[in-house]
Every structure is written in C-alpha cells, then in structure tokens.
Amino acid sequence: MFHYVLSVHVGLVYILFNAFYAPWLTGLTVLPGRCRRKVMWFVVLGLLLIVMKWLDFGPVGGWAWWWVLSPFVGAVLWWAWADWSGYTKRREIDKIDERKKERRRKNMAALGMEERRRR
C-alpha cells in the first residue's frame, strides 16, 4: 500500500512539474524575460479536478470520473491540432528568427555599428 501511495505522489509531482515547465504548449507566461515557460492549462485544470475528486472536495467530489478527466482529452486534442496544423513548428521558427535578430543586434552594438533609423 505504501509503495502505491508513494508512486501516486511521485507521479503527481512529475506531472505538475511538466505542466508548469513544458515550453512547447502555448498559454500564459509564468516568468518574465528569458526564463519564460508556458503553462499547460488543460493539464493543470485536470490535475486540480483529480485532486478535488480524490479529496471529495466541493461539487467535484460528486462528479463522474469522465467529467473530471475531460481536460486531459482537451489537452490531447490541442496537441493533435497543434501538430497537425503546423502551429508548433511555426512557433519554433519564430523563436529561432527572434534569436537571430537579437544576436545580430548585439553583434552590431559590440562593433559600434548601431542600426540606423530610416528618416
């Protein structure tokens, strides 16, 4: 019994860690600047509902399990759509282009050749 409870807790910690620090799903940013990560809101909502169901907290305690697990279905559908439509690839390319522009700007500043503004 102890091993089962321990494995459930380790699994929940792993899922929560990945939910908050997986950088490849869009959402609101958690940290500013370069350390930004995206939050997987479907997974966070699903985990919250599972904990509420497990603790029999509030109205969620009386819900059917398929309602509680439905945010995970939403996450899978989102990932499938994002891969199918090319959304994730476009976001990746945009990040690479932004890094190139920033690197070029830094190199030009280091050489003393600031970008000239158009008049």
PDB file of N, CA and C in Angstrom:
ATOM      1  N   MET A   1       0.824  -1.191   0.000  1.00  0.00           N
ATOM      2  CA  MET A   1       0.000   0.000   0.000  1.00  0.00           C
ATOM      3  C   MET A   1       0.866   1.251   0.000  1.00  0.00           C
ATOM      4  N   PHE A   2       1.944   1.237   0.807  1.00  0.00           N
ATOM      5  CA  PHE A   2       2.827   2.398   0.877  1.00  0.00           C
ATOM      6  C   PHE A   2       3.457   2.691  -0.477  1.00  0.00           C
ATOM      7  N   HIS A   3       3.874   1.647  -1.189  1.00  0.00           N
ATOM      8  CA  HIS A   3       4.503   1.845  -2.495  1.00  0.00           C
ATOM      9  C   HIS A   3       3.516   2.440  -3.484  1.00  0.00           C
ATOM     10  N   TYR A   4       2.261   2.024  -3.404  1.00  0.00           N
ATOM     11  CA  TYR A   4       1.245   2.567  -4.311  1.00  0.00           C
ATOM     12  C   TYR A   4       1.044   4.057  -4.047  1.00  0.00           C
ATOM     13  N   VAL A   5       0.899   4.443  -2.779  1.00  0.00           N
ATOM     14  CA  VAL A   5       0.704   5.851  -2.423  1.00  0.00           C
ATOM     15  C   VAL A   5       1.920   6.668  -2.819  1.00  0.00           C
ATOM     16  N   LEU A   6       3.122   6.135  -2.579  1.00  0.00           N
ATOM     17  CA  LEU A   6       4.342   6.835  -2.953  1.00  0.00           C
ATOM     18  C   LEU A   6       4.421   7.022  -4.461  1.00  0.00           C
ATOM     19  N   SER A   7       4.079   6.005  -5.227  1.00  0.00           N
ATOM     20  CA  SER A   7       4.153   6.123  -6.677  1.00  0.00           C
ATOM     21  C   SER A   7       3.125   7.113  -7.202  1.00  0.00           C
ATOM     22  N   VAL A   8       1.960   7.189  -6.582  1.00  0.00           N
ATOM     23  CA  VAL A   8       0.951   8.176  -6.992  1.00  0.00           C
ATOM     24  C   VAL A   8       1.457   9.580  -6.729  1.00  0.00           C
ATOM     25  N   HIS A   9       2.065   9.803  -5.571  1.00  0.00           N
ATOM     26  CA  HIS A   9       2.582  11.130  -5.254  1.00  0.00           C
ATOM     27  C   HIS A   9       3.741  11.510  -6.159  1.00  0.00           C
ATOM     28  N   VAL A  10       4.643  10.588  -6.431  1.00  0.00           N
ATOM     29  CA  VAL A  10       5.759  10.863  -7.343  1.00  0.00           C
ATOM     30  C   VAL A  10       5.222  11.156  -8.733  1.00  0.00           C
ATOM     31  N   GLY A  11       4.217  10.421  -9.163  1.00  0.00           N
ATOM     32  CA  GLY A  11       3.614  10.664 -10.473  1.00  0.00           C
ATOM     33  C   GLY A  11       2.965  12.037 -10.556  1.00  0.00           C
ATOM     34  N   LEU A  12       2.261  12.445  -9.497  1.00  0.00           N
ATOM     35  CA  LEU A  12       1.634  13.763  -9.492  1.00  0.00           C
ATOM     36  C   LEU A  12       2.677  14.872  -9.507  1.00  0.00           C
ATOM     37  N   VAL A  13       3.758  14.717  -8.776  1.00  0.00           N
ATOM     38  CA  VAL A  13       4.830  15.718  -8.787  1.00  0.00           C
ATOM     39  C   VAL A  13       5.433  15.814 -10.180  1.00  0.00           C
ATOM     40  N   TYR A  14       5.660  14.683 -10.825  1.00  0.00           N
ATOM     41  CA  TYR A  14       6.212  14.677 -12.181  1.00  0.00           C
ATOM     42  C   TYR A  14       5.279  15.382 -13.162  1.00  0.00           C
ATOM     43  N   ILE A  15       3.988  15.088 -13.064  1.00  0.00           N
ATOM     44  CA  ILE A  15       3.013  15.705 -13.967  1.00  0.00           C
ATOM     45  C   ILE A  15       2.921  17.206 -13.706  1.00  0.00           C
ATOM     46  N   LEU A  16       2.896  17.613 -12.438  1.00  0.00           N
ATOM     47  CA  LEU A  16       2.844  19.037 -12.133  1.00  0.00           C
ATOM     48  C   LEU A  16       4.089  19.764 -12.630  1.00  0.00           C
ATOM     49  N   PHE A  17       5.256  19.151 -12.449  1.00  0.00           N
ATOM     50  CA  PHE A  17       6.496  19.763 -12.931  1.00  0.00           C
ATOM     51  C   PHE A  17       6.432  19.970 -14.438  1.00  0.00           C
ATOM     52  N   ASN A  18       6.006  18.951 -15.167  1.00  0.00           N
ATOM     53  CA  ASN A  18       5.918  19.072 -16.616  1.00  0.00           C
ATOM     54  C   ASN A  18       4.816  20.027 -17.044  1.00  0.00           C
ATOM     55  N   ALA A  19       3.756  20.113 -16.262  1.00  0.00           N
ATOM     56  CA  ALA A  19       2.661  21.010 -16.624  1.00  0.00           C
ATOM     57  C   ALA A  19       3.105  22.466 -16.567  1.00  0.00           C
ATOM     58  N   PHE A  20       3.939  22.802 -15.588  1.00  0.00           N
ATOM     59  CA  PHE A  20       4.352  24.191 -15.458  1.00  0.00           C
ATOM     60  C   PHE A  20       5.613  24.531 -16.233  1.00  0.00           C
ATOM     61  N   TYR A  21       6.417  23.546 -16.587  1.00  0.00           N
ATOM     62  CA  TYR A  21       7.691  23.858 -17.214  1.00  0.00           C
ATOM     63  C   TYR A  21       7.860  23.288 -18.608  1.00  0.00           C
ATOM     64  N   ALA A  22       6.835  22.760 -19.206  1.00  0.00           N
ATOM     65  CA  ALA A  22       6.954  22.296 -20.586  1.00  0.00           C
ATOM     66  C   ALA A  22       6.835  23.510 -21.502  1.00  0.00           C
ATOM     67  N   PRO A  23       7.842  23.793 -22.288  1.00  0.00           N
ATOM     68  CA  PRO A  23       7.860  25.045 -23.048  1.00  0.00           C
ATOM     69  C   PRO A  23       7.131  24.999 -24.366  1.00  0.00           C
ATOM     70  N   TRP A  24       6.543  23.886 -24.762  1.00  0.00           N
ATOM     71  CA  TRP A  24       6.036  23.768 -26.114  1.00  0.00           C
ATOM     72  C   TRP A  24       4.536  23.879 -26.243  1.00  0.00           C
ATOM     73  N   LEU A  25       3.844  24.267 -25.201  1.00  0.00           N
ATOM     74  CA  LEU A  25       2.405  24.467 -25.331  1.00  0.00           C
ATOM     75  C   LEU A  25       2.090  25.913 -25.000  1.00  0.00           C
ATOM     76  N   THR A  26       1.318  26.553 -25.825  1.00  0.00           N
ATOM     77  CA  THR A  26       1.027  27.963 -25.608  1.00  0.00           C
ATOM     78  C   THR A  26       0.142  28.139 -24.406  1.00  0.00           C
ATOM     79  N   GLY A  27       0.192  29.307 -23.871  1.00  0.00           N
ATOM     80  CA  GLY A  27      -0.593  29.674 -22.709  1.00  0.00           C
ATOM     81  C   GLY A  27      -0.037  30.960 -22.153  1.00  0.00           C
ATOM     82  N   LEU A  28      -0.387  31.294 -20.952  1.00  0.00           N
ATOM     83  CA  LEU A  28       0.138  32.494 -20.336  1.00  0.00           C
ATOM     84  C   LEU A  28       1.529  32.230 -19.808  1.00  0.00           C
ATOM     85  N   THR A  29       2.369  33.246 -19.870  1.00  0.00           N
ATOM     86  CA  THR A  29       3.729  33.073 -19.376  1.00  0.00           C
ATOM     87  C   THR A  29       3.735  33.162 -17.859  1.00  0.00           C
ATOM     88  N   VAL A  30       4.578  32.377 -17.242  1.00  0.00           N
ATOM     89  CA  VAL A  30       4.669  32.345 -15.793  1.00  0.00           C
ATOM     90  C   VAL A  30       5.778  33.264 -15.311  1.00  0.00           C
ATOM     91  N   LEU A  31       6.904  33.226 -15.958  1.00  0.00           N
ATOM     92  CA  LEU A  31       8.053  34.028 -15.557  1.00  0.00           C
ATOM     93  C   LEU A  31       8.381  35.042 -16.646  1.00  0.00           C
ATOM     94  N   PRO A  32       8.837  36.221 -16.269  1.00  0.00           N
ATOM     95  CA  PRO A  32       9.165  37.224 -17.282  1.00  0.00           C
ATOM     96  C   PRO A  32      10.526  36.964 -17.914  1.00  0.00           C
ATOM     97  N   GLY A  33      10.753  37.606 -19.038  1.00  0.00           N
ATOM     98  CA  GLY A  33      12.070  37.599 -19.654  1.00  0.00           C
ATOM     99  C   GLY A  33      12.450  36.293 -20.308  1.00  0.00           C
ATOM    100  N   ARG A  34      13.731  36.011 -20.243  1.00  0.00           N
ATOM    101  CA  ARG A  34      14.273  34.860 -20.945  1.00  0.00           C
ATOM    102  C   ARG A  34      13.878  33.534 -20.314  1.00  0.00           C
ATOM    103  N   CYS A  35      13.519  33.530 -19.049  1.00  0.00           N
ATOM    104  CA  CYS A  35      13.169  32.302 -18.331  1.00  0.00           C
ATOM    105  C   CYS A  35      11.703  31.941 -18.512  1.00  0.00           C
ATOM    106  N   ARG A  36      11.046  32.500 -19.501  1.00  0.00           N
ATOM    107  CA  ARG A  36       9.624  32.247 -19.712  1.00  0.00           C
ATOM    108  C   ARG A  36       9.362  30.786 -20.031  1.00  0.00           C
ATOM    109  N   ARG A  37       8.299  30.285 -19.478  1.00  0.00           N
ATOM    110  CA  ARG A  37       7.785  28.956 -19.810  1.00  0.00           C
ATOM    111  C   ARG A  37       6.298  29.079 -20.008  1.00  0.00           C
ATOM    112  N   LYS A  38       5.738  28.176 -20.737  1.00  0.00           N
ATOM    113  CA  LYS A  38       4.308  28.191 -20.984  1.00  0.00           C
ATOM    114  C   LYS A  38       3.616  27.219 -20.046  1.00  0.00           C
ATOM    115  N   VAL A  39       2.406  27.550 -19.682  1.00  0.00           N
ATOM    116  CA  VAL A  39       1.627  26.712 -18.776  1.00  0.00           C
ATOM    117  C   VAL A  39       0.622  25.916 -19.600  1.00  0.00           C
ATOM    118  N   MET A  40       0.522  24.639 -19.334  1.00  0.00           N
ATOM    119  CA  MET A  40      -0.451  23.784 -19.999  1.00  0.00           C
ATOM    120  C   MET A  40      -1.727  23.799 -19.156  1.00  0.00           C
ATOM    121  N   TRP A  41      -2.626  24.700 -19.493  1.00  0.00           N
ATOM    122  CA  TRP A  41      -3.799  24.929 -18.664  1.00  0.00           C
ATOM    123  C   TRP A  41      -4.732  23.727 -18.602  1.00  0.00           C
ATOM    124  N   PHE A  42      -4.858  22.964 -19.689  1.00  0.00           N
ATOM    125  CA  PHE A  42      -5.715  21.775 -19.642  1.00  0.00           C
ATOM    126  C   PHE A  42      -5.193  20.768 -18.615  1.00  0.00           C
ATOM    127  N   VAL A  43      -3.893  20.582 -18.578  1.00  0.00           N
ATOM    128  CA  VAL A  43      -3.297  19.611 -17.655  1.00  0.00           C
ATOM    129  C   VAL A  43      -3.419  20.106 -16.216  1.00  0.00           C
ATOM    130  N   VAL A  44      -3.182  21.391 -16.000  1.00  0.00           N
ATOM    131  CA  VAL A  44      -3.298  21.949 -14.648  1.00  0.00           C
ATOM    132  C   VAL A  44      -4.734  21.817 -14.145  1.00  0.00           C
ATOM    133  N   LEU A  45      -5.703  22.148 -15.002  1.00  0.00           N
ATOM    134  CA  LEU A  45      -7.106  22.008 -14.620  1.00  0.00           C
ATOM    135  C   LEU A  45      -7.460  20.549 -14.338  1.00  0.00           C
ATOM    136  N   GLY A  46      -6.969  19.637 -15.175  1.00  0.00           N
ATOM    137  CA  GLY A  46      -7.223  18.218 -14.958  1.00  0.00           C
ATOM    138  C   GLY A  46      -6.657  17.726 -13.640  1.00  0.00           C
ATOM    139  N   LEU A  47      -5.436  18.154 -13.324  1.00  0.00           N
ATOM    140  CA  LEU A  47      -4.825  17.746 -12.052  1.00  0.00           C
ATOM    141  C   LEU A  47      -5.584  18.326 -10.865  1.00  0.00           C
ATOM    142  N   LEU A  48      -6.005  19.564 -10.990  1.00  0.00           N
ATOM    143  CA  LEU A  48      -6.781  20.177  -9.923  1.00  0.00           C
ATOM    144  C   LEU A  48      -8.095  19.434  -9.704  1.00  0.00           C
ATOM    145  N   LEU A  49      -8.763  19.078 -10.787  1.00  0.00           N
ATOM    146  CA  LEU A  49     -10.023  18.334 -10.662  1.00  0.00           C
ATOM    147  C   LEU A  49      -9.806  16.941 -10.073  1.00  0.00           C
ATOM    148  N   ILE A  50      -8.704  16.283 -10.452  1.00  0.00           N
ATOM    149  CA  ILE A  50      -8.411  14.958  -9.878  1.00  0.00           C
ATOM    150  C   ILE A  50      -8.189  15.055  -8.377  1.00  0.00           C
ATOM    151  N   VAL A  51      -7.424  16.064  -7.951  1.00  0.00           N
ATOM    152  CA  VAL A  51      -7.171  16.225  -6.516  1.00  0.00           C
ATOM    153  C   VAL A  51      -8.475  16.530  -5.787  1.00  0.00           C
ATOM    154  N   MET A  52      -9.307  17.386  -6.378  1.00  0.00           N
ATOM    155  CA  MET A  52     -10.592  17.704  -5.741  1.00  0.00           C
ATOM    156  C   MET A  52     -11.502  16.477  -5.663  1.00  0.00           C
ATOM    157  N   LYS A  53     -11.500  15.656  -6.702  1.00  0.00           N
ATOM    158  CA  LYS A  53     -12.314  14.428  -6.696  1.00  0.00           C
ATOM    159  C   LYS A  53     -11.774  13.439  -5.669  1.00  0.00           C
ATOM    160  N   TRP A  54     -10.457  13.317  -5.609  1.00  0.00           N
ATOM    161  CA  TRP A  54      -9.810  12.380  -4.692  1.00  0.00           C
ATOM    162  C   TRP A  54     -10.091  12.756  -3.237  1.00  0.00           C
ATOM    163  N   LEU A  55     -10.075  14.071  -2.956  1.00  0.00           N
ATOM    164  CA  LEU A  55     -10.336  14.544  -1.602  1.00  0.00           C
ATOM    165  C   LEU A  55     -11.829  14.735  -1.324  1.00  0.00           C
ATOM    166  N   ASP A  56     -12.671  14.485  -2.329  1.00  0.00           N
ATOM    167  CA  ASP A  56     -14.110  14.667  -2.218  1.00  0.00           C
ATOM    168  C   ASP A  56     -14.424  16.092  -1.766  1.00  0.00           C
ATOM    169  N   PHE A  57     -13.795  17.044  -2.442  1.00  0.00           N
ATOM    170  CA  PHE A  57     -13.887  18.457  -2.094  1.00  0.00           C
ATOM    171  C   PHE A  57     -14.870  19.162  -3.016  1.00  0.00           C
ATOM    172  N   GLY A  58     -15.833  19.856  -2.427  1.00  0.00           N
ATOM    173  CA  GLY A  58     -16.779  20.654  -3.187  1.00  0.00           C
ATOM    174  C   GLY A  58     -17.664  19.818  -4.094  1.00  0.00           C
ATOM    175  N   PRO A  59     -18.220  20.465  -5.116  1.00  0.00           N
ATOM    176  CA  PRO A  59     -19.121  19.744  -6.016  1.00  0.00           C
ATOM    177  C   PRO A  59     -18.401  18.730  -6.898  1.00  0.00           C
ATOM    178  N   VAL A  60     -17.098  18.892  -7.061  1.00  0.00           N
ATOM    179  CA  VAL A  60     -16.333  17.977  -7.918  1.00  0.00           C
ATOM    180  C   VAL A  60     -16.340  16.567  -7.347  1.00  0.00           C
ATOM    181  N   GLY A  61     -16.460  16.430  -6.036  1.00  0.00           N
ATOM    182  CA  GLY A  61     -16.493  15.116  -5.414  1.00  0.00           C
ATOM    183  C   GLY A  61     -17.647  14.247  -5.897  1.00  0.00           C
ATOM    184  N   GLY A  62     -18.722  14.871  -6.330  1.00  0.00           N
ATOM    185  CA  GLY A  62     -19.874  14.120  -6.798  1.00  0.00           C
ATOM    186  C   GLY A  62     -19.928  13.924  -8.305  1.00  0.00           C
ATOM    187  N   TRP A  63     -18.991  14.501  -9.015  1.00  0.00           N
ATOM    188  CA  TRP A  63     -18.985  14.380 -10.477  1.00  0.00           C
ATOM    189  C   TRP A  63     -18.545  12.983 -10.904  1.00  0.00           C
ATOM    190  N   ALA A  64     -18.944  12.611 -12.102  1.00  0.00           N
ATOM    191  CA  ALA A  64     -18.466  11.355 -12.694  1.00  0.00           C
ATOM    192  C   ALA A  64     -17.006  11.532 -13.113  1.00  0.00           C
ATOM    193  N   TRP A  65     -16.290  10.418 -13.148  1.00  0.00           N
ATOM    194  CA  TRP A  65     -14.864  10.480 -13.480  1.00  0.00           C
ATOM    195  C   TRP A  65     -14.622  10.987 -14.897  1.00  0.00           C
ATOM    196  N   TRP A  66     -15.532  10.737 -15.812  1.00  0.00           N
ATOM    197  CA  TRP A  66     -15.269  11.191 -17.177  1.00  0.00           C
ATOM    198  C   TRP A  66     -15.321  12.705 -17.271  1.00  0.00           C
ATOM    199  N   TRP A  67     -16.089  13.386 -16.399  1.00  0.00           N
ATOM    200  CA  TRP A  67     -16.050  14.849 -16.340  1.00  0.00           C
ATOM    201  C   TRP A  67     -14.727  15.329 -15.759  1.00  0.00           C
ATOM    202  N   VAL A  68     -14.254  14.627 -14.758  1.00  0.00           N
ATOM    203  CA  VAL A  68     -13.010  15.022 -14.096  1.00  0.00           C
ATOM    204  C   VAL A  68     -11.821  14.856 -15.048  1.00  0.00           C
ATOM    205  N   LEU A  69     -11.853  13.819 -15.860  1.00  0.00           N
ATOM    206  CA  LEU A  69     -10.731  13.551 -16.769  1.00  0.00           C
ATOM    207  C   LEU A  69     -10.856  14.246 -18.122  1.00  0.00           C
ATOM    208  N   SER A  70     -11.938  14.942 -18.365  1.00  0.00           N
ATOM    209  CA  SER A  70     -12.145  15.577 -19.679  1.00  0.00           C
ATOM    210  C   SER A  70     -11.106  16.640 -20.038  1.00  0.00           C
ATOM    211  N   PRO A  71     -10.513  17.399 -19.107  1.00  0.00           N
ATOM    212  CA  PRO A  71      -9.467  18.335 -19.522  1.00  0.00           C
ATOM    213  C   PRO A  71      -8.255  17.648 -20.167  1.00  0.00           C
ATOM    214  N   PHE A  72      -7.978  16.414 -19.774  1.00  0.00           N
ATOM    215  CA  PHE A  72      -6.867  15.691 -20.403  1.00  0.00           C
ATOM    216  C   PHE A  72      -7.183  15.356 -21.858  1.00  0.00           C
ATOM    217  N   VAL A  73      -8.443  15.072 -22.131  1.00  0.00           N
ATOM    218  CA  VAL A  73      -8.869  14.854 -23.519  1.00  0.00           C
ATOM    219  C   VAL A  73      -8.682  16.148 -24.305  1.00  0.00           C
ATOM    220  N   GLY A  74      -9.041  17.273 -23.672  1.00  0.00           N
ATOM    221  CA  GLY A  74      -8.836  18.569 -24.312  1.00  0.00           C
ATOM    222  C   GLY A  74      -7.370  18.831 -24.618  1.00  0.00           C
ATOM    223  N   ALA A  75      -6.485  18.450 -23.700  1.00  0.00           N
ATOM    224  CA  ALA A  75      -5.044  18.634 -23.933  1.00  0.00           C
ATOM    225  C   ALA A  75      -4.569  17.778 -25.100  1.00  0.00           C
ATOM    226  N   VAL A  76      -5.029  16.538 -25.163  1.00  0.00           N
ATOM    227  CA  VAL A  76      -4.625  15.656 -26.264  1.00  0.00           C
ATOM    228  C   VAL A  76      -5.136  16.208 -27.597  1.00  0.00           C
ATOM    229  N   LEU A  77      -6.373  16.695 -27.607  1.00  0.00           N
ATOM    230  CA  LEU A  77      -6.915  17.284 -28.837  1.00  0.00           C
ATOM    231  C   LEU A  77      -6.139  18.534 -29.240  1.00  0.00           C
ATOM    232  N   TRP A  78      -5.760  19.361 -28.260  1.00  0.00           N
ATOM    233  CA  TRP A  78      -4.970  20.549 -28.556  1.00  0.00           C
ATOM    234  C   TRP A  78      -3.622  20.167 -29.155  1.00  0.00           C
ATOM    235  N   TRP A  79      -2.940  19.204 -28.552  1.00  0.00           N
ATOM    236  CA  TRP A  79      -1.632  18.789 -29.069  1.00  0.00           C
ATOM    237  C   TRP A  79      -1.754  18.210 -30.474  1.00  0.00           C
ATOM    238  N   ALA A  80      -2.798  17.433 -30.700  1.00  0.00           N
ATOM    239  CA  ALA A  80      -3.002  16.849 -32.029  1.00  0.00           C
ATOM    240  C   ALA A  80      -3.247  17.946 -33.055  1.00  0.00           C
ATOM    241  N   TRP A  81      -4.088  18.920 -32.710  1.00  0.00           N
ATOM    242  CA  TRP A  81      -4.354  20.014 -33.644  1.00  0.00           C
ATOM    243  C   TRP A  81      -3.095  20.849 -33.890  1.00  0.00           C
ATOM    244  N   ALA A  82      -2.359  21.153 -32.827  1.00  0.00           N
ATOM    245  CA  ALA A  82      -1.163  21.985 -32.963  1.00  0.00           C
ATOM    246  C   ALA A  82      -0.120  21.308 -33.854  1.00  0.00           C
ATOM    247  N   ASP A  83       0.029  20.012 -33.739  1.00  0.00           N
ATOM    248  CA  ASP A  83       0.974  19.297 -34.601  1.00  0.00           C
ATOM    249  C   ASP A  83       0.445  19.174 -36.025  1.00  0.00           C
ATOM    250  N   TRP A  84      -0.847  18.895 -36.167  1.00  0.00           N
ATOM    251  CA  TRP A  84      -1.434  18.725 -37.486  1.00  0.00           C
ATOM    252  C   TRP A  84      -1.413  20.029 -38.290  1.00  0.00           C
ATOM    253  N   SER A  85      -1.711  21.154 -37.639  1.00  0.00           N
ATOM    254  CA  SER A  85      -1.821  22.428 -38.345  1.00  0.00           C
ATOM    255  C   SER A  85      -0.469  23.086 -38.585  1.00  0.00           C
ATOM    256  N   GLY A  86       0.579  22.609 -37.936  1.00  0.00           N
ATOM    257  CA  GLY A  86       1.890  23.225 -38.084  1.00  0.00           C
ATOM    258  C   GLY A  86       2.103  24.390 -37.131  1.00  0.00           C
ATOM    259  N   TYR A  87       1.204  24.564 -36.191  1.00  0.00           N
ATOM    260  CA  TYR A  87       1.294  25.677 -35.241  1.00  0.00           C
ATOM    261  C   TYR A  87       2.578  25.610 -34.416  1.00  0.00           C
ATOM    262  N   THR A  88       2.909  24.445 -33.900  1.00  0.00           N
ATOM    263  CA  THR A  88       4.106  24.316 -33.067  1.00  0.00           C
ATOM    264  C   THR A  88       5.362  24.576 -33.880  1.00  0.00           C
ATOM    265  N   LYS A  89       5.390  24.148 -35.132  1.00  0.00           N
ATOM    266  CA  LYS A  89       6.564  24.373 -35.987  1.00  0.00           C
ATOM    267  C   LYS A  89       6.733  25.867 -36.273  1.00  0.00           C
ATOM    268  N   ARG A  90       5.621  26.559 -36.533  1.00  0.00           N
ATOM    269  CA  ARG A  90       5.698  27.999 -36.779  1.00  0.00           C
ATOM    270  C   ARG A  90       6.210  28.732 -35.548  1.00  0.00           C
ATOM    271  N   ARG A  91       5.745  28.334 -34.383  1.00  0.00           N
ATOM    272  CA  ARG A  91       6.217  28.971 -33.143  1.00  0.00           C
ATOM    273  C   ARG A  91       7.716  28.735 -32.960  1.00  0.00           C
ATOM    274  N   GLU A  92       8.178  27.539 -33.276  1.00  0.00           N
ATOM    275  CA  GLU A  92       9.592  27.213 -33.167  1.00  0.00           C
ATOM    276  C   GLU A  92      10.416  28.065 -34.128  1.00  0.00           C
ATOM    277  N   ILE A  93       9.950  28.215 -35.353  1.00  0.00           N
ATOM    278  CA  ILE A  93      10.653  29.023 -36.350  1.00  0.00           C
ATOM    279  C   ILE A  93      10.672  30.487 -35.926  1.00  0.00           C
ATOM    280  N   ASP A  94       9.566  30.979 -35.366  1.00  0.00           N
ATOM    281  CA  ASP A  94       9.523  32.362 -34.887  1.00  0.00           C
ATOM    282  C   ASP A  94      10.551  32.594 -33.782  1.00  0.00           C
ATOM    283  N   LYS A  95      10.696  31.630 -32.871  1.00  0.00           N
ATOM    284  CA  LYS A  95      11.685  31.755 -31.801  1.00  0.00           C
ATOM    285  C   LYS A  95      13.100  31.802 -32.367  1.00  0.00           C
ATOM    286  N   ILE A  96      13.384  30.957 -33.351  1.00  0.00           N
ATOM    287  CA  ILE A  96      14.710  30.938 -33.967  1.00  0.00           C
ATOM    288  C   ILE A  96      14.987  32.264 -34.657  1.00  0.00           C
ATOM    289  N   ASP A  97      13.995  32.801 -35.390  1.00  0.00           N
ATOM    290  CA  ASP A  97      14.171  34.084 -36.065  1.00  0.00           C
ATOM    291  C   ASP A  97      14.398  35.214 -35.068  1.00  0.00           C
ATOM    292  N   GLU A  98      13.680  35.187 -33.955  1.00  0.00           N
ATOM    293  CA  GLU A  98      13.863  36.216 -32.925  1.00  0.00           C
ATOM    294  C   GLU A  98      15.261  36.137 -32.322  1.00  0.00           C
ATOM    295  N   ARG A  99      15.764  34.934 -32.089  1.00  0.00           N
ATOM    296  CA  ARG A  99      17.125  34.773 -31.570  1.00  0.00           C
ATOM    297  C   ARG A  99      18.157  35.300 -32.559  1.00  0.00           C
ATOM    298  N   LYS A 100      17.934  35.060 -33.855  1.00  0.00           N
ATOM    299  CA  LYS A 100      18.845  35.568 -34.879  1.00  0.00           C
ATOM    300  C   LYS A 100      18.880  37.095 -34.874  1.00  0.00           C
ATOM    301  N   LYS A 101      17.706  37.713 -34.806  1.00  0.00           N
ATOM    302  CA  LYS A 101      17.641  39.174 -34.787  1.00  0.00           C
ATOM    303  C   LYS A 101      18.339  39.743 -33.559  1.00  0.00           C
ATOM    304  N   GLU A 102      18.103  39.124 -32.417  1.00  0.00           N
ATOM    305  CA  GLU A 102      18.731  39.596 -31.172  1.00  0.00           C
ATOM    306  C   GLU A 102      20.247  39.428 -31.230  1.00  0.00           C
ATOM    307  N   ARG A 103      20.713  38.301 -31.747  1.00  0.00           N
ATOM    308  CA  ARG A 103      22.157  38.072 -31.875  1.00  0.00           C
ATOM    309  C   ARG A 103      22.784  39.090 -32.823  1.00  0.00           C
ATOM    310  N   ARG A 104      22.112  39.379 -33.936  1.00  0.00           N
ATOM    311  CA  ARG A 104      22.623  40.363 -34.891  1.00  0.00           C
ATOM    312  C   ARG A 104      22.675  41.751 -34.259  1.00  0.00           C
ATOM    313  N   ARG A 105      21.635  42.113 -33.504  1.00  0.00           N
ATOM    314  CA  ARG A 105      21.610  43.411 -32.841  1.00  0.00           C
ATOM    315  C   ARG A 105      22.748  43.544 -31.834  1.00  0.00           C
ATOM    316  N   LYS A 106      23.005  42.483 -31.056  1.00  0.00           N
ATOM    317  CA  LYS A 106      24.105  42.510 -30.085  1.00  0.00           C
ATOM    318  C   LYS A 106      25.454  42.619 -30.775  1.00  0.00           C
ATOM    319  N   ASN A 107      25.635  41.859 -31.860  1.00  0.00           N
ATOM    320  CA  ASN A 107      26.905  41.918 -32.586  1.00  0.00           C
ATOM    321  C   ASN A 107      27.138  43.295 -33.194  1.00  0.00           C
ATOM    322  N   MET A 108      26.093  43.906 -33.750  1.00  0.00           N
ATOM    323  CA  MET A 108      26.231  45.238 -34.326  1.00  0.00           C
ATOM    324  C   MET A 108      26.557  46.264 -33.235  1.00  0.00           C
ATOM    325  N   ALA A 109      25.955  46.132 -32.072  1.00  0.00           N
ATOM    326  CA  ALA A 109      26.240  47.040 -30.962  1.00  0.00           C
ATOM    327  C   ALA A 109      27.670  46.849 -30.473  1.00  0.00           C
ATOM    328  N   ALA A 110      28.143  45.609 -30.437  1.00  0.00           N
ATOM    329  CA  ALA A 110      29.514  45.343 -29.996  1.00  0.00           C
ATOM    330  C   ALA A 110      30.536  45.924 -30.969  1.00  0.00           C
ATOM    331  N   LEU A 111      30.189  45.971 -32.239  1.00  0.00           N
ATOM    332  CA  LEU A 111      31.082  46.548 -33.243  1.00  0.00           C
ATOM    333  C   LEU A 111      30.944  48.063 -33.325  1.00  0.00           C
ATOM    334  N   GLY A 112      30.009  48.621 -32.598  1.00  0.00           N
ATOM    335  CA  GLY A 112      29.805  50.060 -32.633  1.00  0.00           C
ATOM    336  C   GLY A 112      29.001  50.512 -33.837  1.00  0.00           C
ATOM    337  N   MET A 113      28.294  49.606 -34.423  1.00  0.00           N
ATOM    338  CA  MET A 113      27.511  49.912 -35.621  1.00  0.00           C
ATOM    339  C   MET A 113      26.028  49.758 -35.295  1.00  0.00           C
ATOM    340  N   GLU A 114      25.513  50.718 -34.545  1.00  0.00           N
ATOM    341  CA  GLU A 114      24.095  50.652 -34.194  1.00  0.00           C
ATOM    342  C   GLU A 114      23.256  50.728 -35.458  1.00  0.00           C
ATOM    343  N   GLU A 115      22.098  50.115 -35.413  1.00  0.00           N
ATOM    344  CA  GLU A 115      21.215  50.151 -36.574  1.00  0.00           C
ATOM    345  C   GLU A 115      20.791  51.597 -36.826  1.00  0.00           C
ATOM    346  N   ARG A 116      20.842  51.964 -38.088  1.00  0.00           N
ATOM    347  CA  ARG A 116      20.424  53.310 -38.455  1.00  0.00           C
ATOM    348  C   ARG A 116      18.918  53.328 -38.658  1.00  0.00           C
ATOM    349  N   ARG A 117      18.347  54.372 -38.186  1.00  0.00           N
ATOM    350  CA  ARG A 117      16.902  54.524 -38.336  1.00  0.00           C
ATOM    351  C   ARG A 117      16.608  55.231 -39.653  1.00  0.00           C
ATOM    352  N   ARG A 118      15.520  54.835 -40.282  1.00  0.00           N
ATOM    353  CA  ARG A 118      15.101  55.499 -41.524  1.00  0.00           C
ATOM    354  C   ARG A 118      14.508  56.864 -41.197  1.00  0.00           C
ATOM    355  N   ARG A 119      14.793  57.789 -42.068  1.00  0.00           N
ATOM    356  CA  ARG A 119      14.283  59.151 -41.848  1.00  0.00           C
ATOM    357  C   ARG A 119      12.962  59.337 -42.491  1.00  0.00           C
TER     358      ARG A 119
END
